[in-house]
Amino acid sequence: MAGLKAFLGVARAPFLLLPFTLVASGAAAGAYADSVHWGRTILALVGLLALHAAVNAFNEASDMRTGIDLRTRRTPFSGGSGTLPAGRMSPRTAFLFALAVSGVGLAIGLVLLFESGPVLLPILVLGAVFVLSYTDLLARSGVGELAAGLGLGALPVLGTAIVQAGRIEPEAVAAAVPAFFMTFNLLLLNEFPDEKADQEGGRRNLVLLMGRKGAALIYVAAAILTPASIAVAVVAGALPPLCLLGILPSMLLVPPFRWALGDRAGEVPIPALGANVAWNLLTNLTVAAALAFS
């Protein structure tokens, strides 16, 4: 029988920090525009954690079934958890676990829909589509990065802001845009180490469709658009001036930029992968703190 460590493995527990930062950003945007509802915020966090764990577990079960997990070169940031190849859990158990936590996320979503009104419905529908179809459809159709940027970036920020007051405010949209670009890039850079395994396993992502040079340049463009979107939102009055502090974590992008604009044929250095994650989390948190303080 699979133990707790195995379930945390297929859920990719270290990566579940992202929902905390997204919910913080959305709740702070809602609070800045109107007020914060702590009960709904906690529910949104639990629901997003469940759905993120579900996507990860579905992905682990699928990658074992297609053989990707047996070919990939694991890093601390890519290549799967190694739980299923090590025999600590069966693919069937991982799949059933994914269904179970998806059900938790769905139940919480329905509660929040009842509390917040129909404005939340499109986000819940899109979120459900992304959770259930990402691994076996979207990641094989060339739109996996877009789905990730929306499903684990923009939509959670918007959704968390909506549950505060039942409407979409400009501050929520402004905070959601950089979240989209960062999660898009979070997935994109992590796809480079898995290029060969993904190709043999039938995936179609930007690294395979655009080549390493094209995908690396897309990464750089999305990274530049992140602080640019924050600055534009401040100038437009959609975010308070203090949110310009959210540009500062982009200094962490030096290692990934050095690789993306240099020898792209080589492996992505582990420090560059780590800097990409830190940039994402710190930017969301800085924007959230600036909105809360403002």
Protein backbone atom coordinates (compact mmCIF):
# COMPACT_ATOMS: atom_id res chain seq x y z
CA MET A 1 0.00 0.00 0.00
CA ALA A 2 1.31 3.44 -0.93
CA GLY A 3 2.43 5.57 2.00
CA LEU A 4 2.12 9.29 2.67
CA LYS A 5 5.51 9.97 1.08
CA ALA A 6 4.33 8.39 -2.17
CA PHE A 7 1.15 10.49 -2.27
CA LEU A 8 3.18 13.64 -1.60
CA GLY A 9 5.52 12.52 -4.36
CA VAL A 10 2.89 12.20 -7.11
CA ALA A 11 1.30 15.44 -5.90
CA ARG A 12 4.75 17.06 -6.37
CA ALA A 13 4.48 18.64 -2.92
CA PRO A 14 7.46 21.03 -3.28
CA PHE A 15 5.70 22.65 -6.25
CA LEU A 16 2.54 23.32 -4.27
CA LEU A 17 4.00 26.61 -3.05
CA LEU A 18 2.71 28.23 -6.23
CA PRO A 19 -1.00 28.17 -5.22
CA PHE A 20 -0.15 30.04 -2.00
CA THR A 21 1.39 32.90 -3.98
CA LEU A 22 -1.43 33.02 -6.54
CA VAL A 23 -4.15 33.09 -3.88
CA ALA A 24 -2.20 35.75 -1.96
CA SER A 25 -2.02 37.91 -5.07
CA GLY A 26 -5.71 37.47 -5.88
CA ALA A 27 -6.86 38.06 -2.32
CA ALA A 28 -4.69 41.19 -2.02
CA ALA A 29 -6.10 42.51 -5.31
CA GLY A 30 -9.62 41.92 -4.01
CA ALA A 31 -8.80 43.56 -0.69
CA TYR A 32 -7.28 46.61 -2.39
CA ALA A 33 -10.36 47.06 -4.59
CA ASP A 34 -12.94 46.31 -1.92
CA SER A 35 -12.40 43.97 1.03
CA VAL A 36 -11.07 40.53 1.90
CA HIS A 37 -13.23 37.56 2.87
CA TRP A 38 -10.92 35.24 4.81
CA GLY A 39 -13.20 32.20 4.81
CA ARG A 40 -13.56 32.23 1.03
CA THR A 41 -9.85 32.89 0.60
CA ILE A 42 -8.96 29.81 2.63
CA LEU A 43 -11.45 27.74 0.66
CA ALA A 44 -9.95 29.03 -2.60
CA LEU A 45 -6.48 28.04 -1.39
CA VAL A 46 -7.52 24.52 -0.40
CA GLY A 47 -9.36 24.08 -3.69
CA LEU A 48 -6.41 25.29 -5.77
CA LEU A 49 -4.01 23.07 -3.83
CA ALA A 50 -6.26 20.08 -4.55
CA LEU A 51 -6.50 20.88 -8.25
CA HIS A 52 -2.76 21.48 -8.59
CA ALA A 53 -2.09 18.14 -6.87
CA ALA A 54 -4.60 16.51 -9.22
CA VAL A 55 -2.88 17.83 -12.35
CA ASN A 56 0.47 16.62 -11.04
CA ALA A 57 -0.86 13.16 -10.18
CA PHE A 58 -2.62 12.79 -13.54
CA ASN A 59 0.66 13.78 -15.17
CA GLU A 60 2.66 11.23 -13.19
CA ALA A 61 0.24 8.41 -14.01
CA SER A 62 0.24 9.33 -17.71
CA ASP A 63 4.01 9.69 -17.94
CA MET A 64 4.47 6.25 -16.44
CA ARG A 65 1.94 4.75 -18.84
CA THR A 66 3.53 6.34 -21.91
CA GLY A 67 7.07 5.61 -20.79
CA ILE A 68 8.14 9.25 -20.45
CA ASP A 69 9.00 8.72 -16.78
CA LEU A 70 11.35 5.88 -17.74
CA ARG A 71 13.30 8.00 -20.23
CA THR A 72 13.48 11.41 -18.58
CA ARG A 73 16.53 12.90 -16.85
CA ARG A 74 15.26 14.12 -13.49
CA THR A 75 16.27 17.41 -11.96
CA PRO A 76 14.93 19.03 -8.78
CA PHE A 77 12.58 21.03 -11.02
CA SER A 78 11.67 18.71 -13.91
CA GLY A 79 11.35 15.08 -14.94
CA GLY A 80 8.71 13.90 -12.50
CA SER A 81 9.00 12.79 -8.90
CA GLY A 82 10.27 9.27 -9.64
CA THR A 83 7.62 7.80 -7.33
CA LEU A 84 6.03 5.48 -9.88
CA PRO A 85 9.24 4.25 -11.56
CA ALA A 86 10.56 3.41 -8.09
CA GLY A 87 7.50 1.23 -7.45
CA ARG A 88 6.30 3.19 -4.44
CA MET A 89 2.84 3.56 -5.99
CA SER A 90 0.99 2.03 -8.93
CA PRO A 91 -0.15 4.23 -11.86
CA ARG A 92 -3.74 3.19 -11.11
CA THR A 93 -3.48 4.43 -7.52
CA ALA A 94 -1.97 7.71 -8.73
CA PHE A 95 -4.84 8.13 -11.19
CA LEU A 96 -7.49 7.39 -8.54
CA PHE A 97 -5.78 9.83 -6.17
CA ALA A 98 -5.92 12.47 -8.90
CA LEU A 99 -9.64 11.86 -9.36
CA ALA A 100 -10.24 12.08 -5.62
CA VAL A 101 -8.48 15.42 -5.13
CA SER A 102 -10.15 16.70 -8.31
CA GLY A 103 -13.44 15.96 -6.57
CA VAL A 104 -12.32 17.98 -3.56
CA GLY A 105 -11.48 20.91 -5.83
CA LEU A 106 -14.83 20.61 -7.62
CA ALA A 107 -16.79 20.57 -4.37
CA ILE A 108 -15.01 23.68 -3.11
CA GLY A 109 -15.54 25.38 -6.46
CA LEU A 110 -19.27 24.76 -6.26
CA VAL A 111 -19.40 26.24 -2.75
CA LEU A 112 -17.55 29.35 -3.92
CA LEU A 113 -19.80 29.59 -6.98
CA PHE A 114 -22.86 29.61 -4.71
CA GLU A 115 -21.26 32.28 -2.52
CA SER A 116 -19.89 34.50 -5.31
CA GLY A 117 -22.40 34.21 -8.13
CA PRO A 118 -22.26 33.29 -11.82
CA VAL A 119 -19.28 35.55 -12.61
CA LEU A 120 -17.09 32.75 -11.23
CA LEU A 121 -18.58 30.06 -13.48
CA PRO A 122 -16.39 30.56 -16.60
CA ILE A 123 -13.24 30.31 -14.48
CA LEU A 124 -14.44 27.10 -12.83
CA VAL A 125 -15.37 25.54 -16.19
CA LEU A 126 -12.03 26.42 -17.76
CA GLY A 127 -10.21 25.20 -14.68
CA ALA A 128 -11.99 21.84 -14.83
CA VAL A 129 -11.12 21.48 -18.53
CA PHE A 130 -7.46 22.22 -17.86
CA VAL A 131 -7.22 19.79 -14.93
CA LEU A 132 -8.86 16.88 -16.76
CA SER A 133 -7.36 17.38 -20.21
CA TYR A 134 -3.93 18.91 -19.69
CA THR A 135 -1.80 15.76 -19.65
CA ASP A 136 -3.40 13.64 -22.36
CA LEU A 137 -4.73 16.36 -24.67
CA LEU A 138 -3.43 19.90 -24.18
CA ALA A 139 0.21 18.92 -23.60
CA ARG A 140 0.02 16.88 -26.80
CA SER A 141 -1.58 19.65 -28.86
CA GLY A 142 0.99 22.42 -28.59
CA VAL A 143 -0.98 24.53 -26.10
CA GLY A 144 0.27 23.12 -22.80
CA GLU A 145 2.17 26.26 -21.87
CA LEU A 146 -0.87 28.47 -22.54
CA ALA A 147 -3.05 26.15 -20.46
CA ALA A 148 -0.56 26.24 -17.59
CA GLY A 149 -0.29 30.03 -17.74
CA LEU A 150 -4.05 30.33 -17.49
CA GLY A 151 -4.89 27.39 -15.21
CA LEU A 152 -2.07 27.89 -12.70
CA GLY A 153 -1.49 31.58 -13.25
CA ALA A 154 -4.09 34.07 -14.39
CA LEU A 155 -7.33 32.26 -13.56
CA PRO A 156 -6.54 31.49 -9.88
CA VAL A 157 -5.62 35.14 -9.30
CA LEU A 158 -8.84 36.31 -10.95
CA GLY A 159 -10.92 33.66 -9.21
CA THR A 160 -9.56 34.46 -5.76
CA ALA A 161 -10.22 38.16 -6.32
CA ILE A 162 -13.76 37.43 -7.52
CA VAL A 163 -14.70 35.44 -4.41
CA GLN A 164 -13.92 38.47 -2.27
CA ALA A 165 -16.73 40.67 -3.65
CA GLY A 166 -18.36 38.76 -6.52
CA ARG A 167 -16.98 40.86 -9.39
CA ILE A 168 -13.87 41.41 -11.49
CA GLU A 169 -11.90 44.55 -10.68
CA PRO A 170 -9.06 46.12 -12.74
CA GLU A 171 -6.57 45.33 -9.97
CA ALA A 172 -7.31 41.61 -10.29
CA VAL A 173 -6.79 41.66 -14.06
CA ALA A 174 -3.56 43.59 -13.64
CA ALA A 175 -2.23 41.08 -11.08
CA ALA A 176 -3.32 38.13 -13.24
CA VAL A 177 -1.33 39.17 -16.32
CA PRO A 178 2.19 38.75 -14.86
CA ALA A 179 1.03 35.55 -13.13
CA PHE A 180 0.12 34.17 -16.58
CA PHE A 181 3.52 34.95 -18.10
CA MET A 182 5.41 33.53 -15.12
CA THR A 183 3.60 30.18 -14.97
CA PHE A 184 3.87 29.95 -18.78
CA ASN A 185 7.64 30.33 -18.36
CA LEU A 186 7.77 28.06 -15.33
CA LEU A 187 6.59 25.18 -17.50
CA LEU A 188 8.49 26.21 -20.63
CA LEU A 189 11.96 26.27 -19.10
CA ASN A 190 11.32 22.96 -17.33
CA GLU A 191 10.49 21.34 -20.68
CA PHE A 192 14.02 21.71 -22.04
CA PRO A 193 15.58 18.92 -19.92
CA ASP A 194 12.74 16.57 -20.94
CA GLU A 195 12.94 17.33 -24.68
CA LYS A 196 13.89 13.85 -25.89
CA ALA A 197 11.64 11.97 -23.47
CA ASP A 198 8.67 14.19 -24.33
CA GLN A 199 9.24 13.66 -28.05
CA GLU A 200 9.36 9.89 -27.69
CA GLY A 201 6.30 9.98 -25.44
CA GLY A 202 4.13 11.83 -27.96
CA ARG A 203 4.05 15.29 -26.45
CA ARG A 204 3.97 18.47 -28.54
CA ASN A 205 5.26 21.48 -26.65
CA LEU A 206 7.00 24.69 -27.69
CA VAL A 207 10.47 23.18 -27.33
CA LEU A 208 9.54 20.48 -29.84
CA LEU A 209 7.46 22.71 -32.11
CA MET A 210 9.73 25.77 -32.20
CA GLY A 211 13.11 24.17 -31.59
CA ARG A 212 15.42 25.07 -28.71
CA LYS A 213 16.33 28.50 -30.13
CA GLY A 214 12.75 29.53 -30.86
CA ALA A 215 11.44 28.29 -27.52
CA ALA A 216 14.28 29.98 -25.64
CA LEU A 217 13.49 33.31 -27.30
CA ILE A 218 9.81 32.90 -26.41
CA TYR A 219 10.93 32.32 -22.81
CA VAL A 220 12.93 35.57 -22.86
CA ALA A 221 10.02 37.50 -24.37
CA ALA A 222 7.52 36.24 -21.78
CA ALA A 223 10.00 37.01 -19.00
CA ILE A 224 10.42 40.61 -20.21
CA LEU A 225 6.66 41.03 -20.53
CA THR A 226 6.24 40.18 -16.84
CA PRO A 227 7.83 43.32 -15.30
CA ALA A 228 6.62 45.32 -18.31
CA SER A 229 3.01 44.35 -17.57
CA ILE A 230 3.41 45.43 -13.94
CA ALA A 231 4.86 48.80 -14.98
CA VAL A 232 2.10 49.38 -17.55
CA ALA A 233 -0.58 48.53 -14.97
CA VAL A 234 0.91 51.04 -12.51
CA VAL A 235 1.07 53.76 -15.17
CA ALA A 236 -2.53 53.00 -16.15
CA GLY A 237 -3.65 53.23 -12.54
CA ALA A 238 -4.76 49.60 -12.32
CA LEU A 239 -2.10 48.86 -9.68
CA PRO A 240 -0.79 51.17 -6.93
CA PRO A 241 2.75 52.60 -7.38
CA LEU A 242 4.15 50.36 -4.65
CA CYS A 243 3.59 47.37 -6.97
CA LEU A 244 6.60 48.52 -8.96
CA LEU A 245 8.54 46.60 -6.33
CA GLY A 246 7.26 43.52 -8.17
CA ILE A 247 9.78 44.28 -10.89
CA LEU A 248 12.75 43.69 -8.56
CA PRO A 249 12.59 39.84 -8.51
CA SER A 250 13.21 39.91 -12.27
CA MET A 251 16.89 40.42 -11.41
CA LEU A 252 16.86 36.69 -10.63
CA LEU A 253 16.48 36.04 -14.37
CA VAL A 254 20.18 36.58 -15.09
CA PRO A 255 21.07 32.82 -14.99
CA PRO A 256 18.18 31.66 -17.23
CA PHE A 257 18.76 34.59 -19.62
CA ARG A 258 22.46 33.76 -19.81
CA TRP A 259 21.52 30.24 -20.90
CA ALA A 260 18.62 31.21 -23.18
CA LEU A 261 20.68 33.80 -25.06
CA GLY A 262 23.86 31.73 -25.07
CA ASP A 263 24.56 28.04 -25.58
CA ARG A 264 21.01 26.77 -25.84
CA ALA A 265 22.21 23.40 -27.12
CA GLY A 266 23.52 22.53 -23.67
CA GLU A 267 21.50 21.48 -20.66
CA VAL A 268 19.72 24.17 -18.68
CA PRO A 269 21.85 24.73 -15.55
CA ILE A 270 20.17 23.74 -12.30
CA PRO A 271 20.72 27.26 -10.85
CA ALA A 272 18.84 28.69 -13.85
CA LEU A 273 15.89 26.34 -13.24
CA GLY A 274 15.91 27.29 -9.57
CA ALA A 275 16.07 31.01 -10.34
CA ASN A 276 13.07 30.62 -12.65
CA VAL A 277 11.02 29.16 -9.79
CA ALA A 278 12.20 31.77 -7.26
CA TRP A 279 11.40 34.62 -9.68
CA ASN A 280 7.86 33.32 -10.09
CA LEU A 281 7.11 32.90 -6.40
CA LEU A 282 8.77 36.13 -5.27
CA THR A 283 7.13 38.29 -7.94
CA ASN A 284 3.64 37.06 -7.01
CA LEU A 285 4.37 37.55 -3.32
CA THR A 286 5.84 41.02 -3.82
CA VAL A 287 2.81 42.16 -5.82
CA ALA A 288 0.52 40.67 -3.16
CA ALA A 289 2.42 42.42 -0.34
CA ALA A 290 2.43 45.74 -2.20
CA LEU A 291 -1.33 45.54 -2.79
CA ALA A 292 -1.98 44.58 0.83
CA PHE A 293 0.19 47.38 2.19
CA SER A 294 -1.34 49.90 -0.21
